[in-house]
């Protein structure tokens, strides 16, 4: 289980992780939909969807519509915002 590095909330399952070829940890979906919040991000001259921790508000990364699977989502998450809990659920 990947947890928020700031507050420890469960965010992404290792089973949802895939190699996107971007160099960033990528996931097809959050472990629990309510664990993350999505916000429009217009910084750096782009329009993107920011992903933040629903519990503490920490910035996690961005989600893009070019992922694998039926949902087609790629949650591109900054590795510094995550802690891997190898004993987690």
PDB file of N, CA and C in Angstrom:
ATOM      1  N   UNK A   1       0.842  -1.176   0.000  1.00  0.00           N
ATOM      2  CA  UNK A   1       0.000   0.000   0.000  1.00  0.00           C
ATOM      3  C   UNK A   1       0.892   1.245   0.000  1.00  0.00           C
ATOM      4  N   UNK A   2       0.555   2.178  -0.860  1.00  0.00           N
ATOM      5  CA  UNK A   2       1.252   3.461  -0.878  1.00  0.00           C
ATOM      6  C   UNK A   2       0.418   4.455  -0.075  1.00  0.00           C
ATOM      7  N   UNK A   3       1.074   5.101   0.882  1.00  0.00           N
ATOM      8  CA  UNK A   3       0.414   6.040   1.796  1.00  0.00           C
ATOM      9  C   UNK A   3       0.910   7.462   1.545  1.00  0.00           C
ATOM     10  N   UNK A   4       0.106   8.414   1.965  1.00  0.00           N
ATOM     11  CA  UNK A   4       0.499   9.818   1.897  1.00  0.00           C
ATOM     12  C   UNK A   4       1.730  10.020   2.780  1.00  0.00           C
ATOM     13  N   UNK A   5       2.767  10.622   2.234  1.00  0.00           N
ATOM     14  CA  UNK A   5       3.981  10.872   2.993  1.00  0.00           C
ATOM     15  C   UNK A   5       3.793  11.878   4.111  1.00  0.00           C
ATOM     16  N   UNK A   6       2.751  12.686   4.041  1.00  0.00           N
ATOM     17  CA  UNK A   6       2.516  13.706   5.061  1.00  0.00           C
ATOM     18  C   UNK A   6       1.639  13.207   6.208  1.00  0.00           C
ATOM     19  N   UNK A   7       0.563  12.464   5.891  1.00  0.00           N
ATOM     20  CA  UNK A   7      -0.384  12.094   6.959  1.00  0.00           C
ATOM     21  C   UNK A   7      -0.604  10.593   7.113  1.00  0.00           C
ATOM     22  N   UNK A   8      -0.087   9.779   6.193  1.00  0.00           N
ATOM     23  CA  UNK A   8      -0.215   8.334   6.315  1.00  0.00           C
ATOM     24  C   UNK A   8      -1.487   7.729   5.755  1.00  0.00           C
ATOM     25  N   UNK A   9      -2.340   8.523   5.133  1.00  0.00           N
ATOM     26  CA  UNK A   9      -3.591   7.992   4.563  1.00  0.00           C
ATOM     27  C   UNK A   9      -3.271   6.987   3.454  1.00  0.00           C
ATOM     28  N   UNK A  10      -4.056   5.906   3.382  1.00  0.00           N
ATOM     29  CA  UNK A  10      -3.901   4.930   2.316  1.00  0.00           C
ATOM     30  C   UNK A  10      -4.381   5.548   1.008  1.00  0.00           C
ATOM     31  N   UNK A  11      -3.509   5.552  -0.011  1.00  0.00           N
ATOM     32  CA  UNK A  11      -3.844   6.218  -1.266  1.00  0.00           C
ATOM     33  C   UNK A  11      -3.918   5.277  -2.461  1.00  0.00           C
ATOM     34  N   UNK A  12      -2.859   4.502  -2.698  1.00  0.00           N
ATOM     35  CA  UNK A  12      -2.787   3.664  -3.891  1.00  0.00           C
ATOM     36  C   UNK A  12      -2.304   2.264  -3.539  1.00  0.00           C
ATOM     37  N   UNK A  13      -2.940   1.281  -4.124  1.00  0.00           N
ATOM     38  CA  UNK A  13      -2.537  -0.114  -3.957  1.00  0.00           C
ATOM     39  C   UNK A  13      -1.403  -0.432  -4.921  1.00  0.00           C
ATOM     40  N   UNK A  14      -0.468  -1.255  -4.472  1.00  0.00           N
ATOM     41  CA  UNK A  14       0.619  -1.655  -5.369  1.00  0.00           C
ATOM     42  C   UNK A  14       0.074  -2.435  -6.569  1.00  0.00           C
ATOM     43  N   UNK A  15      -1.098  -3.047  -6.437  1.00  0.00           N
ATOM     44  CA  UNK A  15      -1.720  -3.759  -7.544  1.00  0.00           C
ATOM     45  C   UNK A  15      -2.194  -2.850  -8.665  1.00  0.00           C
ATOM     46  N   UNK A  16      -2.366  -1.561  -8.375  1.00  0.00           N
ATOM     47  CA  UNK A  16      -2.813  -0.593  -9.382  1.00  0.00           C
ATOM     48  C   UNK A  16      -1.636   0.141 -10.021  1.00  0.00           C
ATOM     49  N   UNK A  17      -0.413  -0.191  -9.590  1.00  0.00           N
ATOM     50  CA  UNK A  17       0.788   0.478 -10.108  1.00  0.00           C
ATOM     51  C   UNK A  17       1.189  -0.150 -11.435  1.00  0.00           C
ATOM     52  N   UNK A  18       1.636   0.673 -12.375  1.00  0.00           N
ATOM     53  CA  UNK A  18       2.110   0.165 -13.661  1.00  0.00           C
ATOM     54  C   UNK A  18       3.260   1.022 -14.163  1.00  0.00           C
ATOM     55  N   UNK A  19       4.030   0.493 -15.094  1.00  0.00           N
ATOM     56  CA  UNK A  19       5.150   1.220 -15.670  1.00  0.00           C
ATOM     57  C   UNK A  19       4.645   2.023 -16.860  1.00  0.00           C
ATOM     58  N   UNK A  20       4.556   3.327 -16.674  1.00  0.00           N
ATOM     59  CA  UNK A  20       4.051   4.205 -17.731  1.00  0.00           C
ATOM     60  C   UNK A  20       5.168   4.664 -18.663  1.00  0.00           C
ATOM     61  N   UNK A  21       6.403   4.382 -18.307  1.00  0.00           N
ATOM     62  CA  UNK A  21       7.525   4.827 -19.111  1.00  0.00           C
ATOM     63  C   UNK A  21       7.889   6.283 -18.891  1.00  0.00           C
ATOM     64  N   UNK A  22       7.257   6.930 -17.900  1.00  0.00           N
ATOM     65  CA  UNK A  22       7.502   8.351 -17.648  1.00  0.00           C
ATOM     66  C   UNK A  22       8.578   8.586 -16.600  1.00  0.00           C
ATOM     67  N   UNK A  23       8.891   7.557 -15.816  1.00  0.00           N
ATOM     68  CA  UNK A  23       9.826   7.725 -14.711  1.00  0.00           C
ATOM     69  C   UNK A  23       9.146   8.104 -13.408  1.00  0.00           C
ATOM     70  N   UNK A  24       7.841   8.384 -13.462  1.00  0.00           N
ATOM     71  CA  UNK A  24       7.067   8.726 -12.270  1.00  0.00           C
ATOM     72  C   UNK A  24       6.238   7.509 -11.867  1.00  0.00           C
ATOM     73  N   UNK A  25       6.028   7.284 -10.565  1.00  0.00           N
ATOM     74  CA  UNK A  25       5.115   6.210 -10.178  1.00  0.00           C
ATOM     75  C   UNK A  25       3.729   6.491 -10.771  1.00  0.00           C
ATOM     76  N   UNK A  26       3.162   5.491 -11.423  1.00  0.00           N
ATOM     77  CA  UNK A  26       1.861   5.651 -12.085  1.00  0.00           C
ATOM     78  C   UNK A  26       0.899   4.576 -11.615  1.00  0.00           C
ATOM     79  N   UNK A  27      -0.348   4.977 -11.417  1.00  0.00           N
ATOM     80  CA  UNK A  27      -1.388   4.086 -10.913  1.00  0.00           C
ATOM     81  C   UNK A  27      -2.635   4.247 -11.778  1.00  0.00           C
ATOM     82  N   UNK A  28      -3.414   3.172 -11.907  1.00  0.00           N
ATOM     83  CA  UNK A  28      -4.646   3.237 -12.699  1.00  0.00           C
ATOM     84  C   UNK A  28      -5.800   3.849 -11.919  1.00  0.00           C
ATOM     85  N   UNK A  29      -5.731   3.772 -10.580  1.00  0.00           N
ATOM     86  CA  UNK A  29      -6.809   4.296  -9.738  1.00  0.00           C
ATOM     87  C   UNK A  29      -6.339   4.376  -8.294  1.00  0.00           C
ATOM     88  N   UNK A  30      -6.974   5.214  -7.483  1.00  0.00           N
ATOM     89  CA  UNK A  30      -6.660   5.233  -6.050  1.00  0.00           C
ATOM     90  C   UNK A  30      -7.226   3.995  -5.368  1.00  0.00           C
ATOM     91  N   UNK A  31      -6.672   3.648  -4.222  1.00  0.00           N
ATOM     92  CA  UNK A  31      -7.146   2.491  -3.461  1.00  0.00           C
ATOM     93  C   UNK A  31      -8.601   2.679  -3.044  1.00  0.00           C
ATOM     94  N   UNK A  32      -8.935   3.876  -2.639  1.00  0.00           N
ATOM     95  CA  UNK A  32     -10.299   4.260  -2.281  1.00  0.00           C
ATOM     96  C   UNK A  32     -10.552   5.591  -2.975  1.00  0.00           C
ATOM     97  N   UNK A  33     -11.621   5.672  -3.749  1.00  0.00           N
ATOM     98  CA  UNK A  33     -11.892   6.885  -4.544  1.00  0.00           C
ATOM     99  C   UNK A  33     -11.873   8.149  -3.690  1.00  0.00           C
ATOM    100  N   UNK A  34     -12.403   8.081  -2.482  1.00  0.00           N
ATOM    101  CA  UNK A  34     -12.482   9.259  -1.610  1.00  0.00           C
ATOM    102  C   UNK A  34     -11.148   9.628  -0.963  1.00  0.00           C
ATOM    103  N   UNK A  35     -10.092   8.833  -1.195  1.00  0.00           N
ATOM    104  CA  UNK A  35      -8.788   9.105  -0.585  1.00  0.00           C
ATOM    105  C   UNK A  35      -8.076  10.270  -1.257  1.00  0.00           C
ATOM    106  N   UNK A  36      -8.458  10.574  -2.489  1.00  0.00           N
ATOM    107  CA  UNK A  36      -7.828  11.682  -3.206  1.00  0.00           C
ATOM    108  C   UNK A  36      -8.887  12.666  -3.678  1.00  0.00           C
ATOM    109  N   UNK A  37      -8.448  13.899  -3.882  1.00  0.00           N
ATOM    110  CA  UNK A  37      -9.312  14.934  -4.447  1.00  0.00           C
ATOM    111  C   UNK A  37      -8.670  15.427  -5.735  1.00  0.00           C
ATOM    112  N   UNK A  38      -9.505  15.792  -6.681  1.00  0.00           N
ATOM    113  CA  UNK A  38      -9.034  16.295  -7.973  1.00  0.00           C
ATOM    114  C   UNK A  38      -9.393  17.764  -8.103  1.00  0.00           C
ATOM    115  N   UNK A  39      -8.443  18.553  -8.635  1.00  0.00           N
ATOM    116  CA  UNK A  39      -8.627  19.994  -8.788  1.00  0.00           C
ATOM    117  C   UNK A  39      -8.055  20.438 -10.129  1.00  0.00           C
ATOM    118  N   UNK A  40      -8.662  21.420 -10.750  1.00  0.00           N
ATOM    119  CA  UNK A  40      -8.091  21.979 -11.969  1.00  0.00           C
ATOM    120  C   UNK A  40      -6.817  22.736 -11.626  1.00  0.00           C
ATOM    121  N   UNK A  41      -5.768  22.501 -12.409  1.00  0.00           N
ATOM    122  CA  UNK A  41      -4.470  23.143 -12.212  1.00  0.00           C
ATOM    123  C   UNK A  41      -4.100  23.860 -13.510  1.00  0.00           C
ATOM    124  N   UNK A  42      -4.037  25.194 -13.466  1.00  0.00           N
ATOM    125  CA  UNK A  42      -3.708  25.996 -14.652  1.00  0.00           C
ATOM    126  C   UNK A  42      -2.300  26.586 -14.558  1.00  0.00           C
ATOM    127  N   UNK A  43      -1.446  25.993 -13.733  1.00  0.00           N
ATOM    128  CA  UNK A  43      -0.089  26.521 -13.579  1.00  0.00           C
ATOM    129  C   UNK A  43       0.794  26.140 -14.766  1.00  0.00           C
ATOM    130  N   UNK A  44       1.871  26.856 -14.931  1.00  0.00           N
ATOM    131  CA  UNK A  44       2.885  26.591 -15.952  1.00  0.00           C
ATOM    132  C   UNK A  44       2.333  26.602 -17.372  1.00  0.00           C
ATOM    133  N   UNK A  45       1.282  27.384 -17.622  1.00  0.00           N
ATOM    134  CA  UNK A  45       0.722  27.523 -18.958  1.00  0.00           C
ATOM    135  C   UNK A  45       0.004  26.285 -19.478  1.00  0.00           C
ATOM    136  N   UNK A  46      -0.391  25.393 -18.585  1.00  0.00           N
ATOM    137  CA  UNK A  46      -1.091  24.162 -18.978  1.00  0.00           C
ATOM    138  C   UNK A  46      -2.385  24.037 -18.194  1.00  0.00           C
ATOM    139  N   UNK A  47      -3.292  23.225 -18.693  1.00  0.00           N
ATOM    140  CA  UNK A  47      -4.493  22.871 -17.944  1.00  0.00           C
ATOM    141  C   UNK A  47      -4.383  21.387 -17.643  1.00  0.00           C
ATOM    142  N   UNK A  48      -4.263  21.069 -16.344  1.00  0.00           N
ATOM    143  CA  UNK A  48      -4.113  19.683 -15.896  1.00  0.00           C
ATOM    144  C   UNK A  48      -5.052  19.446 -14.724  1.00  0.00           C
ATOM    145  N   UNK A  49      -5.156  18.199 -14.333  1.00  0.00           N
ATOM    146  CA  UNK A  49      -5.944  17.842 -13.165  1.00  0.00           C
ATOM    147  C   UNK A  49      -4.994  17.429 -12.052  1.00  0.00           C
ATOM    148  N   UNK A  50      -4.957  18.243 -11.001  1.00  0.00           N
ATOM    149  CA  UNK A  50      -4.098  17.986  -9.846  1.00  0.00           C
ATOM    150  C   UNK A  50      -4.744  16.942  -8.944  1.00  0.00           C
ATOM    151  N   UNK A  51      -3.908  16.092  -8.352  1.00  0.00           N
ATOM    152  CA  UNK A  51      -4.354  15.097  -7.382  1.00  0.00           C
ATOM    153  C   UNK A  51      -3.803  15.502  -6.022  1.00  0.00           C
ATOM    154  N   UNK A  52      -4.668  15.575  -5.014  1.00  0.00           N
ATOM    155  CA  UNK A  52      -4.212  15.880  -3.656  1.00  0.00           C
ATOM    156  C   UNK A  52      -4.809  14.885  -2.677  1.00  0.00           C
ATOM    157  N   UNK A  53      -4.169  14.749  -1.527  1.00  0.00           N
ATOM    158  CA  UNK A  53      -4.654  13.865  -0.469  1.00  0.00           C
ATOM    159  C   UNK A  53      -5.928  14.467   0.124  1.00  0.00           C
ATOM    160  N   UNK A  54      -6.984  13.686   0.187  1.00  0.00           N
ATOM    161  CA  UNK A  54      -8.253  14.182   0.720  1.00  0.00           C
ATOM    162  C   UNK A  54      -8.169  14.455   2.219  1.00  0.00           C
ATOM    163  N   UNK A  55      -7.300  13.745   2.921  1.00  0.00           N
ATOM    164  CA  UNK A  55      -7.192  13.930   4.374  1.00  0.00           C
ATOM    165  C   UNK A  55      -6.446  15.206   4.742  1.00  0.00           C
ATOM    166  N   UNK A  56      -5.274  15.428   4.126  1.00  0.00           N
ATOM    167  CA  UNK A  56      -4.452  16.562   4.564  1.00  0.00           C
ATOM    168  C   UNK A  56      -4.237  17.640   3.501  1.00  0.00           C
ATOM    169  N   UNK A  57      -4.655  17.381   2.266  1.00  0.00           N
ATOM    170  CA  UNK A  57      -4.542  18.379   1.207  1.00  0.00           C
ATOM    171  C   UNK A  57      -3.202  18.428   0.507  1.00  0.00           C
ATOM    172  N   UNK A  58      -2.279  17.541   0.846  1.00  0.00           N
ATOM    173  CA  UNK A  58      -0.955  17.547   0.211  1.00  0.00           C
ATOM    174  C   UNK A  58      -1.050  17.284  -1.286  1.00  0.00           C
ATOM    175  N   UNK A  59      -0.232  18.016  -2.046  1.00  0.00           N
ATOM    176  CA  UNK A  59      -0.142  17.793  -3.496  1.00  0.00           C
ATOM    177  C   UNK A  59       0.522  16.441  -3.732  1.00  0.00           C
ATOM    178  N   UNK A  60      -0.094  15.612  -4.576  1.00  0.00           N
ATOM    179  CA  UNK A  60       0.443  14.289  -4.890  1.00  0.00           C
ATOM    180  C   UNK A  60       0.980  14.196  -6.308  1.00  0.00           C
ATOM    181  N   UNK A  61       0.351  14.863  -7.243  1.00  0.00           N
ATOM    182  CA  UNK A  61       0.742  14.787  -8.643  1.00  0.00           C
ATOM    183  C   UNK A  61      -0.418  15.196  -9.514  1.00  0.00           C
ATOM    184  N   UNK A  62      -0.553  14.520 -10.672  1.00  0.00           N
ATOM    185  CA  UNK A  62      -1.620  14.842 -11.622  1.00  0.00           C
ATOM    186  C   UNK A  62      -2.197  13.562 -12.205  1.00  0.00           C
ATOM    187  N   UNK A  63      -3.410  13.646 -12.725  1.00  0.00           N
ATOM    188  CA  UNK A  63      -4.038  12.503 -13.396  1.00  0.00           C
ATOM    189  C   UNK A  63      -4.271  12.888 -14.855  1.00  0.00           C
ATOM    190  N   UNK A  64      -3.990  11.925 -15.744  1.00  0.00           N
ATOM    191  CA  UNK A  64      -4.114  12.146 -17.177  1.00  0.00           C
ATOM    192  C   UNK A  64      -4.988  11.052 -17.787  1.00  0.00           C
ATOM    193  N   UNK A  65      -5.656  11.347 -18.891  1.00  0.00           N
ATOM    194  CA  UNK A  65      -6.577  10.380 -19.509  1.00  0.00           C
ATOM    195  C   UNK A  65      -5.901   9.442 -20.510  1.00  0.00           C
ATOM    196  N   UNK A  66      -4.649   9.066 -20.257  1.00  0.00           N
ATOM    197  CA  UNK A  66      -3.929   8.216 -21.207  1.00  0.00           C
ATOM    198  C   UNK A  66      -3.408   6.927 -20.576  1.00  0.00           C
ATOM    199  N   UNK A  67      -4.095   6.461 -19.542  1.00  0.00           N
ATOM    200  CA  UNK A  67      -3.665   5.244 -18.856  1.00  0.00           C
ATOM    201  C   UNK A  67      -4.278   3.988 -19.442  1.00  0.00           C
ATOM    202  N   UNK A  68      -3.806   2.847 -18.970  1.00  0.00           N
ATOM    203  CA  UNK A  68      -4.327   1.573 -19.461  1.00  0.00           C
ATOM    204  C   UNK A  68      -5.645   1.203 -18.783  1.00  0.00           C
ATOM    205  N   UNK A  69      -6.238   0.173 -19.264  1.00  0.00           N
ATOM    206  CA  UNK A  69      -7.440  -0.363 -18.619  1.00  0.00           C
ATOM    207  C   UNK A  69      -8.703   0.370 -18.999  1.00  0.00           C
ATOM    208  N   UNK A  70      -9.817  -0.132 -18.477  1.00  0.00           N
ATOM    209  CA  UNK A  70     -11.123   0.418 -18.851  1.00  0.00           C
ATOM    210  C   UNK A  70     -11.336   1.868 -18.422  1.00  0.00           C
ATOM    211  N   UNK A  71     -10.724   2.291 -17.308  1.00  0.00           N
ATOM    212  CA  UNK A  71     -10.886   3.666 -16.848  1.00  0.00           C
ATOM    213  C   UNK A  71     -10.032   4.647 -17.623  1.00  0.00           C
ATOM    214  N   UNK A  72      -8.935   4.160 -18.203  1.00  0.00           N
ATOM    215  CA  UNK A  72      -8.068   5.010 -19.004  1.00  0.00           C
ATOM    216  C   UNK A  72      -7.338   6.099 -18.240  1.00  0.00           C
ATOM    217  N   UNK A  73      -7.228   5.952 -16.919  1.00  0.00           N
ATOM    218  CA  UNK A  73      -6.591   6.988 -16.115  1.00  0.00           C
ATOM    219  C   UNK A  73      -5.144   6.630 -15.803  1.00  0.00           C
ATOM    220  N   UNK A  74      -4.295   7.658 -15.764  1.00  0.00           N
ATOM    221  CA  UNK A  74      -2.907   7.510 -15.316  1.00  0.00           C
ATOM    222  C   UNK A  74      -2.672   8.524 -14.207  1.00  0.00           C
ATOM    223  N   UNK A  75      -2.684   8.032 -12.975  1.00  0.00           N
ATOM    224  CA  UNK A  75      -2.376   8.879 -11.831  1.00  0.00           C
ATOM    225  C   UNK A  75      -0.859   8.955 -11.741  1.00  0.00           C
ATOM    226  N   UNK A  76      -0.299  10.059 -12.154  1.00  0.00           N
ATOM    227  CA  UNK A  76       1.142  10.287 -12.203  1.00  0.00           C
ATOM    228  C   UNK A  76       1.523  10.992 -10.897  1.00  0.00           C
ATOM    229  N   UNK A  77       2.141  10.253  -9.983  1.00  0.00           N
ATOM    230  CA  UNK A  77       2.310  10.712  -8.612  1.00  0.00           C
ATOM    231  C   UNK A  77       3.791  10.934  -8.286  1.00  0.00           C
ATOM    232  N   UNK A  78       4.085  12.019  -7.601  1.00  0.00           N
ATOM    233  CA  UNK A  78       5.440  12.332  -7.178  1.00  0.00           C
ATOM    234  C   UNK A  78       5.868  11.344  -6.103  1.00  0.00           C
ATOM    235  N   UNK A  79       6.969  10.636  -6.331  1.00  0.00           N
ATOM    236  CA  UNK A  79       7.411   9.614  -5.374  1.00  0.00           C
ATOM    237  C   UNK A  79       7.718  10.190  -4.002  1.00  0.00           C
ATOM    238  N   UNK A  80       8.087  11.471  -3.937  1.00  0.00           N
ATOM    239  CA  UNK A  80       8.371  12.079  -2.629  1.00  0.00           C
ATOM    240  C   UNK A  80       7.116  12.268  -1.790  1.00  0.00           C
ATOM    241  N   UNK A  81       5.954  12.225  -2.416  1.00  0.00           N
ATOM    242  CA  UNK A  81       4.704  12.410  -1.674  1.00  0.00           C
ATOM    243  C   UNK A  81       4.154  11.087  -1.142  1.00  0.00           C
ATOM    244  N   UNK A  82       4.834   9.977  -1.444  1.00  0.00           N
ATOM    245  CA  UNK A  82       4.349   8.648  -1.056  1.00  0.00           C
ATOM    246  C   UNK A  82       5.303   7.931  -0.122  1.00  0.00           C
ATOM    247  N   UNK A  83       4.739   7.099   0.751  1.00  0.00           N
ATOM    248  CA  UNK A  83       5.500   6.154   1.559  1.00  0.00           C
ATOM    249  C   UNK A  83       4.954   4.771   1.252  1.00  0.00           C
ATOM    250  N   UNK A  84       5.840   3.819   0.954  1.00  0.00           N
ATOM    251  CA  UNK A  84       5.406   2.442   0.708  1.00  0.00           C
ATOM    252  C   UNK A  84       5.300   1.716   2.035  1.00  0.00           C
ATOM    253  N   UNK A  85       4.111   1.201   2.323  1.00  0.00           N
ATOM    254  CA  UNK A  85       3.859   0.392   3.515  1.00  0.00           C
ATOM    255  C   UNK A  85       3.758  -1.049   3.056  1.00  0.00           C
ATOM    256  N   UNK A  86       4.851  -1.788   3.178  1.00  0.00           N
ATOM    257  CA  UNK A  86       4.886  -3.164   2.682  1.00  0.00           C
ATOM    258  C   UNK A  86       4.017  -4.107   3.503  1.00  0.00           C
ATOM    259  N   UNK A  87       3.589  -3.676   4.675  1.00  0.00           N
ATOM    260  CA  UNK A  87       2.704  -4.486   5.516  1.00  0.00           C
ATOM    261  C   UNK A  87       1.270  -4.012   5.482  1.00  0.00           C
ATOM    262  N   UNK A  88       1.006  -2.970   4.689  1.00  0.00           N
ATOM    263  CA  UNK A  88      -0.340  -2.366   4.622  1.00  0.00           C
ATOM    264  C   UNK A  88      -1.335  -3.254   3.926  1.00  0.00           C
ATOM    265  N   UNK A  89      -2.588  -2.825   3.976  1.00  0.00           N
ATOM    266  CA  UNK A  89      -3.658  -3.619   3.378  1.00  0.00           C
ATOM    267  C   UNK A  89      -3.624  -3.581   1.879  1.00  0.00           C
TER     268      UNK A  89
END
